[in-house]
Amino acid sequence: MSPSFETYLHPTLSNCFITTNPHNMDITAIHQFLTRSTWAAGISRETVQLSITNSLCFGLFKDDKQIGFARLVTDYATFGYLCDVYIVEEWRNHKLSRWLVECCQQHPVTQRLRRIMLVTSTASWLYEKVGYRPVKQENFVWQIVRPDIYKQ
């Protein structure tokens, strides 16, 4: 079941909004950020486009410029994986990261998911503020990780 498009207006910052409409996503801007990130360095534009097509995405805009992004990989029924969350450097320290994650959590699809997971090495403080908790159960979370896959 595909979600309806949602729009969230920032409560105090004028002309700042989040949309889940995939047609609004600036693939070039998202690719430019992700390719220099620590988690997706070297990712191809085609991979970014495919990941957006197959996910529930949240684009953060100031006027018509995309300044942030978050992506929820989900089956739209029981599970979601929050990833690729970012705010461009010049818009950090405006509490937009927290607002972006809160909007992700308010979305009707997210509200019905049994489990939402994420992986972070830099922003655990942010996710803790909005209800995420570390998994501290032995042998509970397993992974195959290929950190240099986009550099090949």
N, C-alpha and C. Protein backbone atom coordinates (compact mmCIF):
# COMPACT_ATOMS: atom_id res chain seq x y z
N MET A 1 0.83 -1.18 0.00
CA MET A 1 0.00 0.00 0.00
C MET A 1 0.88 1.25 0.00
N SER A 2 0.77 2.06 -1.00
CA SER A 2 1.54 3.29 -1.07
C SER A 2 0.94 4.34 -0.16
N PRO A 3 1.81 5.11 0.48
CA PRO A 3 1.30 6.15 1.38
C PRO A 3 0.81 7.36 0.61
N SER A 4 -0.05 8.13 1.23
CA SER A 4 -0.41 9.42 0.66
C SER A 4 0.73 10.38 0.96
N PHE A 5 0.81 11.43 0.18
CA PHE A 5 1.87 12.40 0.41
C PHE A 5 1.49 13.29 1.58
N GLU A 6 2.45 13.53 2.44
CA GLU A 6 2.25 14.38 3.61
C GLU A 6 3.13 15.62 3.49
N THR A 7 2.67 16.72 4.05
CA THR A 7 3.47 17.95 4.13
C THR A 7 3.39 18.46 5.56
N TYR A 8 4.55 18.84 6.09
CA TYR A 8 4.65 19.36 7.45
C TYR A 8 5.27 20.75 7.37
N LEU A 9 4.61 21.75 7.95
CA LEU A 9 5.12 23.11 7.96
C LEU A 9 5.85 23.37 9.26
N HIS A 10 7.00 23.99 9.17
CA HIS A 10 7.77 24.30 10.38
C HIS A 10 6.98 25.30 11.22
N PRO A 11 6.92 25.09 12.53
CA PRO A 11 6.08 25.96 13.38
C PRO A 11 6.55 27.41 13.48
N THR A 12 7.85 27.67 13.26
CA THR A 12 8.33 29.05 13.41
C THR A 12 9.16 29.56 12.24
N LEU A 13 9.80 28.70 11.51
CA LEU A 13 10.68 29.11 10.41
C LEU A 13 9.85 29.22 9.13
N SER A 14 9.69 30.44 8.63
CA SER A 14 8.82 30.64 7.47
C SER A 14 9.40 29.98 6.22
N ASN A 15 8.50 29.50 5.37
CA ASN A 15 8.85 28.84 4.11
C ASN A 15 9.73 27.62 4.30
N CYS A 16 9.62 26.98 5.45
CA CYS A 16 10.37 25.75 5.73
C CYS A 16 9.35 24.64 5.89
N PHE A 17 9.52 23.57 5.12
CA PHE A 17 8.56 22.47 5.17
C PHE A 17 9.22 21.14 4.84
N ILE A 18 8.53 20.09 5.20
CA ILE A 18 8.93 18.72 4.88
C ILE A 18 7.83 18.12 4.04
N THR A 19 8.22 17.43 2.98
CA THR A 19 7.25 16.74 2.14
C THR A 19 7.69 15.30 1.90
N THR A 20 6.71 14.43 1.71
CA THR A 20 7.01 13.05 1.34
C THR A 20 6.72 12.81 -0.14
N ASN A 21 6.41 13.85 -0.87
CA ASN A 21 6.15 13.70 -2.30
C ASN A 21 7.47 13.42 -3.02
N PRO A 22 7.61 12.24 -3.62
CA PRO A 22 8.89 11.89 -4.25
C PRO A 22 9.24 12.79 -5.43
N HIS A 23 8.26 13.43 -6.04
CA HIS A 23 8.52 14.32 -7.17
C HIS A 23 9.21 15.60 -6.74
N ASN A 24 9.17 15.92 -5.45
CA ASN A 24 9.84 17.12 -4.94
C ASN A 24 11.30 16.88 -4.59
N MET A 25 11.71 15.60 -4.45
CA MET A 25 13.07 15.31 -4.01
C MET A 25 14.08 15.77 -5.05
N ASP A 26 15.10 16.48 -4.60
CA ASP A 26 16.17 16.96 -5.48
C ASP A 26 17.26 15.89 -5.49
N ILE A 27 17.18 15.00 -6.46
CA ILE A 27 18.11 13.87 -6.54
C ILE A 27 19.55 14.35 -6.60
N THR A 28 19.80 15.42 -7.32
CA THR A 28 21.17 15.95 -7.43
C THR A 28 21.68 16.38 -6.06
N ALA A 29 20.88 17.14 -5.33
CA ALA A 29 21.30 17.61 -4.00
C ALA A 29 21.50 16.44 -3.04
N ILE A 30 20.58 15.49 -3.05
CA ILE A 30 20.69 14.33 -2.17
C ILE A 30 21.95 13.54 -2.52
N HIS A 31 22.17 13.29 -3.80
CA HIS A 31 23.36 12.55 -4.23
C HIS A 31 24.63 13.28 -3.83
N GLN A 32 24.67 14.60 -4.04
CA GLN A 32 25.86 15.37 -3.68
C GLN A 32 26.19 15.26 -2.20
N PHE A 33 25.16 15.27 -1.36
CA PHE A 33 25.43 15.13 0.07
C PHE A 33 25.87 13.71 0.41
N LEU A 34 25.11 12.73 -0.05
CA LEU A 34 25.41 11.34 0.32
C LEU A 34 26.77 10.88 -0.16
N THR A 35 27.18 11.31 -1.34
CA THR A 35 28.45 10.83 -1.87
C THR A 35 29.65 11.32 -1.05
N ARG A 36 29.45 12.36 -0.26
CA ARG A 36 30.55 12.82 0.61
C ARG A 36 30.29 12.51 2.09
N SER A 37 29.24 11.75 2.36
CA SER A 37 28.94 11.37 3.75
C SER A 37 29.85 10.22 4.18
N THR A 38 29.87 9.97 5.48
CA THR A 38 30.70 8.86 5.99
C THR A 38 30.07 7.51 5.70
N TRP A 39 28.76 7.45 5.50
CA TRP A 39 28.09 6.17 5.34
C TRP A 39 27.80 5.79 3.89
N ALA A 40 27.89 6.72 2.95
CA ALA A 40 27.58 6.39 1.56
C ALA A 40 28.57 7.01 0.59
N ALA A 41 29.80 7.18 1.03
CA ALA A 41 30.82 7.81 0.19
C ALA A 41 30.93 7.07 -1.15
N GLY A 42 30.88 7.84 -2.24
CA GLY A 42 31.04 7.26 -3.56
C GLY A 42 29.78 6.66 -4.16
N ILE A 43 28.65 6.76 -3.49
CA ILE A 43 27.40 6.17 -4.00
C ILE A 43 27.05 6.79 -5.36
N SER A 44 26.56 5.98 -6.26
CA SER A 44 26.21 6.49 -7.59
C SER A 44 24.85 7.18 -7.57
N ARG A 45 24.66 8.06 -8.51
CA ARG A 45 23.38 8.75 -8.65
C ARG A 45 22.25 7.74 -8.91
N GLU A 46 22.52 6.73 -9.71
CA GLU A 46 21.52 5.71 -10.02
C GLU A 46 21.09 4.95 -8.77
N THR A 47 22.04 4.66 -7.88
CA THR A 47 21.71 3.97 -6.63
C THR A 47 20.86 4.86 -5.74
N VAL A 48 21.20 6.15 -5.67
CA VAL A 48 20.40 7.10 -4.89
C VAL A 48 18.98 7.15 -5.44
N GLN A 49 18.85 7.27 -6.75
CA GLN A 49 17.52 7.33 -7.37
C GLN A 49 16.71 6.08 -7.06
N LEU A 50 17.32 4.90 -7.18
CA LEU A 50 16.62 3.65 -6.91
C LEU A 50 16.22 3.55 -5.44
N SER A 51 17.09 3.99 -4.54
CA SER A 51 16.77 3.93 -3.11
C SER A 51 15.60 4.85 -2.77
N ILE A 52 15.53 6.01 -3.41
CA ILE A 52 14.42 6.94 -3.18
C ILE A 52 13.12 6.37 -3.75
N THR A 53 13.20 5.78 -4.92
CA THR A 53 12.02 5.19 -5.55
C THR A 53 11.41 4.10 -4.68
N ASN A 54 12.24 3.37 -3.96
CA ASN A 54 11.79 2.22 -3.18
C ASN A 54 11.68 2.48 -1.69
N SER A 55 11.55 3.74 -1.29
CA SER A 55 11.48 4.09 0.12
C SER A 55 10.45 5.19 0.34
N LEU A 56 10.09 5.38 1.59
CA LEU A 56 9.28 6.52 2.00
C LEU A 56 10.26 7.62 2.38
N CYS A 57 10.30 8.70 1.61
CA CYS A 57 11.30 9.74 1.79
C CYS A 57 10.69 11.03 2.33
N PHE A 58 11.51 11.73 3.09
CA PHE A 58 11.13 12.99 3.70
C PHE A 58 12.14 14.05 3.27
N GLY A 59 11.70 14.98 2.44
CA GLY A 59 12.58 16.06 1.99
C GLY A 59 12.31 17.31 2.78
N LEU A 60 13.34 17.90 3.33
CA LEU A 60 13.24 19.14 4.09
C LEU A 60 13.68 20.29 3.19
N PHE A 61 12.81 21.28 3.06
CA PHE A 61 13.05 22.40 2.16
C PHE A 61 12.94 23.73 2.89
N LYS A 62 13.78 24.67 2.48
CA LYS A 62 13.66 26.08 2.87
C LYS A 62 13.44 26.82 1.56
N ASP A 63 12.28 27.41 1.42
CA ASP A 63 11.84 27.97 0.14
C ASP A 63 11.82 26.81 -0.87
N ASP A 64 12.54 26.88 -1.95
CA ASP A 64 12.55 25.80 -2.93
C ASP A 64 13.83 24.97 -2.89
N LYS A 65 14.68 25.21 -1.91
CA LYS A 65 15.97 24.52 -1.83
C LYS A 65 15.90 23.37 -0.83
N GLN A 66 16.33 22.19 -1.26
CA GLN A 66 16.35 21.05 -0.34
C GLN A 66 17.55 21.18 0.59
N ILE A 67 17.26 21.19 1.91
CA ILE A 67 18.32 21.37 2.91
C ILE A 67 18.44 20.18 3.85
N GLY A 68 17.58 19.19 3.67
CA GLY A 68 17.65 18.01 4.52
C GLY A 68 16.89 16.85 3.90
N PHE A 69 17.09 15.68 4.50
CA PHE A 69 16.52 14.47 3.92
C PHE A 69 16.52 13.37 4.96
N ALA A 70 15.55 12.49 4.85
CA ALA A 70 15.53 11.24 5.63
C ALA A 70 14.79 10.21 4.79
N ARG A 71 15.18 8.96 4.95
CA ARG A 71 14.58 7.89 4.15
C ARG A 71 14.19 6.75 5.06
N LEU A 72 12.96 6.26 4.90
CA LEU A 72 12.48 5.11 5.65
C LEU A 72 12.28 3.96 4.68
N VAL A 73 13.12 2.94 4.83
CA VAL A 73 12.96 1.72 4.05
C VAL A 73 11.93 0.89 4.81
N THR A 74 10.82 0.56 4.14
CA THR A 74 9.72 -0.06 4.88
C THR A 74 8.89 -0.98 4.00
N ASP A 75 8.21 -1.91 4.66
CA ASP A 75 7.22 -2.75 3.97
C ASP A 75 5.82 -2.13 4.08
N TYR A 76 5.72 -0.96 4.73
CA TYR A 76 4.48 -0.21 4.91
C TYR A 76 3.47 -0.93 5.82
N ALA A 77 3.92 -1.96 6.52
CA ALA A 77 2.99 -2.72 7.36
C ALA A 77 3.55 -3.00 8.75
N THR A 78 4.81 -3.45 8.84
CA THR A 78 5.32 -3.90 10.14
C THR A 78 6.70 -3.36 10.50
N PHE A 79 7.51 -3.01 9.51
CA PHE A 79 8.92 -2.72 9.79
C PHE A 79 9.41 -1.52 9.00
N GLY A 80 10.30 -0.75 9.62
CA GLY A 80 10.95 0.35 8.94
C GLY A 80 12.39 0.50 9.39
N TYR A 81 13.23 0.96 8.48
CA TYR A 81 14.63 1.23 8.78
C TYR A 81 14.91 2.67 8.38
N LEU A 82 15.15 3.53 9.36
CA LEU A 82 15.42 4.95 9.11
C LEU A 82 16.88 5.13 8.75
N CYS A 83 17.12 5.82 7.64
CA CYS A 83 18.51 6.00 7.21
C CYS A 83 18.66 7.28 6.40
N ASP A 84 19.89 7.58 6.04
CA ASP A 84 20.23 8.74 5.20
C ASP A 84 19.67 10.05 5.75
N VAL A 85 19.64 10.18 7.05
CA VAL A 85 19.14 11.41 7.69
C VAL A 85 20.26 12.44 7.68
N TYR A 86 19.96 13.61 7.12
CA TYR A 86 20.96 14.68 7.15
C TYR A 86 20.31 16.05 7.02
N ILE A 87 21.05 17.04 7.48
CA ILE A 87 20.76 18.46 7.28
C ILE A 87 22.04 19.05 6.69
N VAL A 88 21.93 19.82 5.62
CA VAL A 88 23.14 20.42 5.04
C VAL A 88 23.80 21.33 6.08
N GLU A 89 25.10 21.45 5.96
CA GLU A 89 25.91 22.11 6.98
C GLU A 89 25.41 23.50 7.35
N GLU A 90 25.06 24.32 6.38
CA GLU A 90 24.68 25.71 6.68
C GLU A 90 23.36 25.84 7.42
N TRP A 91 22.58 24.75 7.52
CA TRP A 91 21.30 24.79 8.24
C TRP A 91 21.33 23.98 9.52
N ARG A 92 22.49 23.52 9.93
CA ARG A 92 22.59 22.82 11.21
C ARG A 92 22.50 23.84 12.34
N ASN A 93 22.23 23.36 13.54
CA ASN A 93 22.08 24.20 14.73
C ASN A 93 20.82 25.06 14.70
N HIS A 94 19.81 24.63 13.95
CA HIS A 94 18.50 25.27 13.95
C HIS A 94 17.42 24.31 14.45
N LYS A 95 17.85 23.21 15.05
CA LYS A 95 16.95 22.16 15.58
C LYS A 95 16.12 21.51 14.47
N LEU A 96 16.62 21.54 13.25
CA LEU A 96 15.90 20.95 12.14
C LEU A 96 16.04 19.43 12.10
N SER A 97 17.15 18.90 12.60
CA SER A 97 17.32 17.44 12.62
C SER A 97 16.24 16.79 13.47
N ARG A 98 16.04 17.33 14.64
CA ARG A 98 15.02 16.77 15.53
C ARG A 98 13.63 16.90 14.90
N TRP A 99 13.33 18.05 14.30
CA TRP A 99 12.04 18.24 13.66
C TRP A 99 11.85 17.25 12.51
N LEU A 100 12.89 17.03 11.73
CA LEU A 100 12.82 16.09 10.62
C LEU A 100 12.50 14.68 11.12
N VAL A 101 13.21 14.23 12.15
CA VAL A 101 12.97 12.89 12.69
C VAL A 101 11.58 12.81 13.33
N GLU A 102 11.15 13.85 14.01
CA GLU A 102 9.80 13.86 14.59
C GLU A 102 8.73 13.76 13.50
N CYS A 103 8.92 14.45 12.39
CA CYS A 103 7.96 14.35 11.29
C CYS A 103 7.96 12.94 10.71
N CYS A 104 9.11 12.33 10.62
CA CYS A 104 9.17 10.93 10.16
C CYS A 104 8.33 10.05 11.08
N GLN A 105 8.41 10.28 12.37
CA GLN A 105 7.67 9.47 13.33
C GLN A 105 6.17 9.76 13.32
N GLN A 106 5.78 10.96 12.92
CA GLN A 106 4.36 11.33 12.88
C GLN A 106 3.64 10.82 11.65
N HIS A 107 4.37 10.41 10.65
CA HIS A 107 3.75 9.97 9.39
C HIS A 107 2.83 8.78 9.66
N PRO A 108 1.66 8.72 9.02
CA PRO A 108 0.71 7.62 9.25
C PRO A 108 1.30 6.23 9.06
N VAL A 109 2.18 6.05 8.10
CA VAL A 109 2.82 4.73 7.91
C VAL A 109 3.67 4.38 9.12
N THR A 110 4.48 5.31 9.56
CA THR A 110 5.37 5.06 10.70
C THR A 110 4.58 4.75 11.96
N GLN A 111 3.44 5.38 12.12
CA GLN A 111 2.62 5.17 13.31
C GLN A 111 2.16 3.73 13.48
N ARG A 112 2.03 2.98 12.40
CA ARG A 112 1.53 1.61 12.52
C ARG A 112 2.62 0.54 12.49
N LEU A 113 3.88 0.94 12.37
CA LEU A 113 4.96 -0.04 12.29
C LEU A 113 5.29 -0.61 13.67
N ARG A 114 5.50 -1.90 13.71
CA ARG A 114 5.84 -2.59 14.97
C ARG A 114 7.28 -2.31 15.39
N ARG A 115 8.18 -2.23 14.42
CA ARG A 115 9.59 -1.99 14.74
C ARG A 115 10.19 -1.00 13.74
N ILE A 116 10.92 -0.03 14.28
CA ILE A 116 11.68 0.91 13.46
C ILE A 116 13.10 0.89 13.98
N MET A 117 14.03 0.69 13.09
CA MET A 117 15.44 0.61 13.48
C MET A 117 16.24 1.67 12.75
N LEU A 118 17.43 1.93 13.24
CA LEU A 118 18.38 2.79 12.57
C LEU A 118 19.78 2.41 13.02
N VAL A 119 20.75 2.88 12.27
CA VAL A 119 22.15 2.69 12.61
C VAL A 119 22.80 4.06 12.60
N THR A 120 23.50 4.41 13.66
CA THR A 120 24.18 5.70 13.70
C THR A 120 25.48 5.56 14.49
N SER A 121 26.48 6.31 14.07
CA SER A 121 27.72 6.37 14.84
C SER A 121 27.98 7.80 15.31
N THR A 122 27.11 8.73 14.94
CA THR A 122 27.38 10.13 15.27
C THR A 122 26.24 10.87 15.95
N ALA A 123 25.01 10.38 15.90
CA ALA A 123 23.89 11.18 16.39
C ALA A 123 22.99 10.43 17.35
N SER A 124 23.55 9.55 18.15
CA SER A 124 22.71 8.79 19.08
C SER A 124 21.96 9.72 20.02
N TRP A 125 22.55 10.85 20.40
CA TRP A 125 21.91 11.83 21.27
C TRP A 125 20.59 12.33 20.68
N LEU A 126 20.56 12.52 19.35
CA LEU A 126 19.34 12.99 18.69
C LEU A 126 18.25 11.93 18.74
N TYR A 127 18.59 10.72 18.37
CA TYR A 127 17.59 9.67 18.30
C TYR A 127 17.07 9.27 19.68
N GLU A 128 17.92 9.36 20.67
CA GLU A 128 17.49 9.07 22.03
C GLU A 128 16.41 10.06 22.48
N LYS A 129 16.53 11.31 22.06
CA LYS A 129 15.55 12.35 22.44
C LYS A 129 14.16 12.07 21.89
N VAL A 130 14.08 11.30 20.81
CA VAL A 130 12.77 11.04 20.19
C VAL A 130 12.32 9.59 20.37
N GLY A 131 12.95 8.87 21.31
CA GLY A 131 12.42 7.57 21.70
C GLY A 131 13.20 6.34 21.28
N TYR A 132 14.23 6.49 20.46
CA TYR A 132 15.03 5.33 20.08
C TYR A 132 15.89 4.88 21.25
N ARG A 133 16.11 3.58 21.35
CA ARG A 133 16.95 3.00 22.41
C ARG A 133 17.95 2.04 21.78
N PRO A 134 19.14 1.95 22.36
CA PRO A 134 20.12 1.01 21.81
C PRO A 134 19.67 -0.44 22.05
N VAL A 135 20.04 -1.31 21.13
CA VAL A 135 19.76 -2.73 21.29
C VAL A 135 20.89 -3.31 22.13
N LYS A 136 20.56 -3.80 23.30
CA LYS A 136 21.58 -4.34 24.21
C LYS A 136 21.28 -5.80 24.53
N GLN A 137 20.78 -6.50 23.55
CA GLN A 137 20.47 -7.90 23.73
C GLN A 137 21.46 -8.71 22.91
N GLU A 138 22.20 -9.56 23.56
CA GLU A 138 23.24 -10.35 22.89
C GLU A 138 22.63 -11.22 21.78
N ASN A 139 23.32 -11.24 20.65
CA ASN A 139 22.93 -12.04 19.49
C ASN A 139 21.55 -11.70 18.94
N PHE A 140 21.12 -10.46 19.08
CA PHE A 140 19.80 -10.04 18.63
C PHE A 140 19.85 -9.38 17.25
N VAL A 141 20.83 -8.52 17.02
CA VAL A 141 20.96 -7.83 15.75
C VAL A 141 22.21 -8.36 15.05
N TRP A 142 22.02 -8.76 13.81
CA TRP A 142 23.11 -9.31 13.00
C TRP A 142 23.19 -8.53 11.71
N GLN A 143 24.35 -8.56 11.07
CA GLN A 143 24.51 -7.78 9.85
C GLN A 143 25.58 -8.35 8.93
N ILE A 144 25.45 -8.02 7.69
CA ILE A 144 26.53 -8.13 6.71
C ILE A 144 26.79 -6.68 6.31
N VAL A 145 28.00 -6.24 6.44
CA VAL A 145 28.31 -4.84 6.13
C VAL A 145 29.45 -4.80 5.11
N ARG A 146 29.26 -3.92 4.12
CA ARG A 146 30.25 -3.73 3.07
C ARG A 146 30.52 -2.24 2.95
N PRO A 147 31.32 -1.65 3.84
CA PRO A 147 31.46 -0.20 3.90
C PRO A 147 32.05 0.45 2.64
N ASP A 148 32.78 -0.29 1.85
CA ASP A 148 33.42 0.30 0.67
C ASP A 148 32.74 -0.10 -0.64
N ILE A 149 31.52 -0.59 -0.59
CA ILE A 149 30.87 -1.09 -1.79
C ILE A 149 30.69 -0.04 -2.88
N TYR A 150 30.49 1.22 -2.51
CA TYR A 150 30.30 2.27 -3.52
C TYR A 150 31.60 2.76 -4.11
N LYS A 151 32.71 2.40 -3.50
CA LYS A 151 34.02 2.84 -3.98
C LYS A 151 34.65 1.86 -4.96
N GLN A 152 33.98 0.74 -5.21
CA GLN A 152 34.55 -0.28 -6.10
C GLN A 152 34.37 0.07 -7.56
